[in-house]
N, C-alpha and C. Protein backbone atom coordinates (compact mmCIF):
# COMPACT_ATOMS: atom_id res chain seq x y z
N MET A 1 23.07 263.17 132.30
CA MET A 1 24.29 262.98 132.98
C MET A 1 25.30 263.97 132.47
N ALA A 2 26.05 264.55 133.41
CA ALA A 2 27.04 265.63 133.06
C ALA A 2 28.32 264.95 132.50
N VAL A 3 28.68 265.43 131.33
CA VAL A 3 29.89 264.90 130.69
C VAL A 3 30.75 266.08 130.29
N PRO A 4 32.05 266.04 130.56
CA PRO A 4 32.95 267.14 130.16
C PRO A 4 32.92 267.29 128.66
N LYS A 5 32.92 268.59 128.24
CA LYS A 5 32.92 268.88 126.78
C LYS A 5 34.28 268.65 126.20
N ARG A 6 35.34 268.94 126.95
CA ARG A 6 36.71 268.82 126.48
C ARG A 6 37.57 268.00 127.48
N LYS A 7 38.58 267.39 126.94
CA LYS A 7 39.48 266.61 127.76
C LYS A 7 40.31 267.53 128.62
N THR A 8 40.48 267.23 129.89
CA THR A 8 41.34 268.03 130.80
C THR A 8 42.80 267.81 130.37
N SER A 9 43.51 268.86 130.13
CA SER A 9 44.88 268.77 129.72
C SER A 9 45.75 268.31 130.88
N PRO A 10 46.93 267.69 130.58
CA PRO A 10 47.83 267.25 131.65
C PRO A 10 48.25 268.43 132.57
N SER A 11 48.45 269.55 131.96
CA SER A 11 48.88 270.73 132.69
C SER A 11 47.81 271.09 133.76
N ARG A 12 46.57 271.19 133.33
CA ARG A 12 45.47 271.56 134.20
C ARG A 12 45.27 270.48 135.28
N ARG A 13 45.40 269.24 134.91
CA ARG A 13 45.25 268.12 135.79
C ARG A 13 46.34 268.19 136.92
N ASN A 14 47.60 268.47 136.50
CA ASN A 14 48.67 268.54 137.45
C ASN A 14 48.57 269.77 138.35
N MET A 15 48.08 270.90 137.84
CA MET A 15 47.85 272.03 138.70
C MET A 15 46.81 271.73 139.79
N ARG A 16 45.81 270.97 139.44
CA ARG A 16 44.80 270.62 140.43
C ARG A 16 45.40 269.76 141.56
N ARG A 17 46.38 268.94 141.17
CA ARG A 17 47.02 268.03 142.14
C ARG A 17 48.22 268.64 142.84
N SER A 18 48.41 269.92 142.70
CA SER A 18 49.62 270.54 143.23
C SER A 18 49.67 270.50 144.76
N HIS A 19 48.50 270.35 145.41
CA HIS A 19 48.47 270.34 146.92
C HIS A 19 48.50 268.92 147.43
N HIS A 20 48.66 267.91 146.60
CA HIS A 20 48.65 266.55 147.05
C HIS A 20 50.02 266.03 147.53
N ALA A 21 51.05 266.83 147.38
CA ALA A 21 52.42 266.42 147.69
C ALA A 21 52.54 266.20 149.23
N LEU A 22 53.34 265.19 149.60
CA LEU A 22 53.60 264.91 150.99
C LEU A 22 54.65 265.86 151.58
N ALA A 23 54.43 266.37 152.72
CA ALA A 23 55.46 267.30 153.34
C ALA A 23 56.46 266.43 154.09
N PRO A 24 57.69 266.85 154.21
CA PRO A 24 58.64 266.08 154.99
C PRO A 24 58.25 266.08 156.52
N ASN A 25 58.61 265.01 157.19
CA ASN A 25 58.28 264.95 158.63
C ASN A 25 59.06 265.98 159.39
N SER A 26 58.38 266.58 160.37
CA SER A 26 59.01 267.61 161.18
C SER A 26 59.46 266.98 162.49
N PHE A 27 60.65 267.47 162.98
CA PHE A 27 61.15 266.99 164.20
C PHE A 27 61.57 268.18 165.07
N ILE A 28 61.46 268.07 166.34
CA ILE A 28 61.88 269.09 167.30
C ILE A 28 62.82 268.49 168.31
N GLU A 29 63.65 269.32 168.86
CA GLU A 29 64.58 268.87 169.87
C GLU A 29 63.84 268.82 171.21
N ASP A 30 63.92 267.64 171.93
CA ASP A 30 63.29 267.50 173.22
C ASP A 30 63.97 268.38 174.27
N LYS A 31 63.19 269.06 175.08
CA LYS A 31 63.80 269.94 176.08
C LYS A 31 64.62 269.20 177.15
N ASP A 32 64.07 268.03 177.58
CA ASP A 32 64.73 267.29 178.63
C ASP A 32 65.92 266.50 178.16
N THR A 33 65.74 265.68 177.10
CA THR A 33 66.79 264.77 176.69
C THR A 33 67.68 265.33 175.63
N GLY A 34 67.20 266.33 174.87
CA GLY A 34 67.97 266.87 173.76
C GLY A 34 67.86 266.03 172.48
N GLU A 35 67.07 264.98 172.46
CA GLU A 35 66.96 264.11 171.30
C GLU A 35 65.82 264.65 170.43
N MET A 36 65.92 264.25 169.12
CA MET A 36 64.92 264.69 168.18
C MET A 36 63.67 263.79 168.33
N ARG A 37 62.50 264.39 168.27
CA ARG A 37 61.21 263.66 168.36
C ARG A 37 60.19 264.42 167.57
N ARG A 38 59.07 263.73 167.22
CA ARG A 38 57.99 264.35 166.46
C ARG A 38 57.18 265.24 167.43
N PRO A 39 56.70 266.38 166.96
CA PRO A 39 55.87 267.25 167.84
C PRO A 39 54.58 266.56 168.15
N HIS A 40 54.05 266.67 169.38
CA HIS A 40 52.82 266.14 169.86
C HIS A 40 52.83 264.65 169.93
N HIS A 41 54.06 264.03 170.09
CA HIS A 41 54.22 262.60 170.19
C HIS A 41 54.97 262.28 171.52
N VAL A 42 54.75 261.13 172.03
CA VAL A 42 55.43 260.66 173.28
C VAL A 42 56.89 260.46 173.00
N ASP A 43 57.74 260.91 173.96
CA ASP A 43 59.18 260.66 173.84
C ASP A 43 59.40 259.22 174.32
N LEU A 44 59.77 258.34 173.43
CA LEU A 44 59.87 256.91 173.70
C LEU A 44 61.04 256.60 174.62
N LYS A 45 62.01 257.49 174.62
CA LYS A 45 63.22 257.23 175.49
C LYS A 45 62.88 257.44 176.96
N THR A 46 62.12 258.45 177.27
CA THR A 46 61.76 258.73 178.68
C THR A 46 60.32 258.39 178.98
N GLY A 47 59.43 258.25 178.05
CA GLY A 47 58.04 258.00 178.30
C GLY A 47 57.21 259.22 178.69
N MET A 48 57.78 260.46 178.51
CA MET A 48 57.12 261.64 178.92
C MET A 48 56.32 262.30 177.79
N TYR A 49 55.20 262.88 178.13
CA TYR A 49 54.37 263.64 177.18
C TYR A 49 53.75 264.84 177.94
N LYS A 50 53.99 266.03 177.49
CA LYS A 50 53.52 267.26 178.12
C LYS A 50 53.86 267.33 179.56
N GLY A 51 55.09 266.89 179.94
CA GLY A 51 55.58 266.99 181.31
C GLY A 51 55.03 265.89 182.21
N ARG A 52 54.30 264.89 181.66
CA ARG A 52 53.75 263.83 182.50
C ARG A 52 54.38 262.52 182.05
N GLN A 53 54.46 261.56 183.00
CA GLN A 53 54.98 260.22 182.66
C GLN A 53 53.75 259.44 182.18
N VAL A 54 53.77 259.03 180.88
CA VAL A 54 52.65 258.30 180.31
C VAL A 54 53.04 256.82 179.90
N LEU A 55 54.31 256.54 179.80
CA LEU A 55 54.73 255.16 179.46
C LEU A 55 55.75 254.71 180.50
N ASP A 56 55.69 253.42 180.79
CA ASP A 56 56.74 252.83 181.59
C ASP A 56 57.92 252.52 180.72
N VAL A 57 59.10 252.99 181.07
CA VAL A 57 60.28 252.80 180.30
C VAL A 57 60.97 251.49 180.70
N LYS A 58 61.28 250.67 179.71
CA LYS A 58 62.05 249.44 179.99
C LYS A 58 63.53 249.73 179.97
N GLU A 59 64.18 249.25 181.07
CA GLU A 59 65.61 249.48 181.18
C GLU A 59 66.35 248.21 180.59
N ASP A 60 67.42 248.51 179.80
CA ASP A 60 68.18 247.44 179.20
C ASP A 60 69.26 246.90 180.11
């Protein structure tokens, strides 16, 4: 069975985990409504995605 010869130092351990950080959510301005929304997500205000109506919008 393979066993490490030396203990991994905290510095080396943290360098290995440097890519594990979460990136902040990105938002874009919608062309039609001007509201902020996530890229590649349905606009919940209008129900549009890629220029098509994909959700029925409830009116208040």
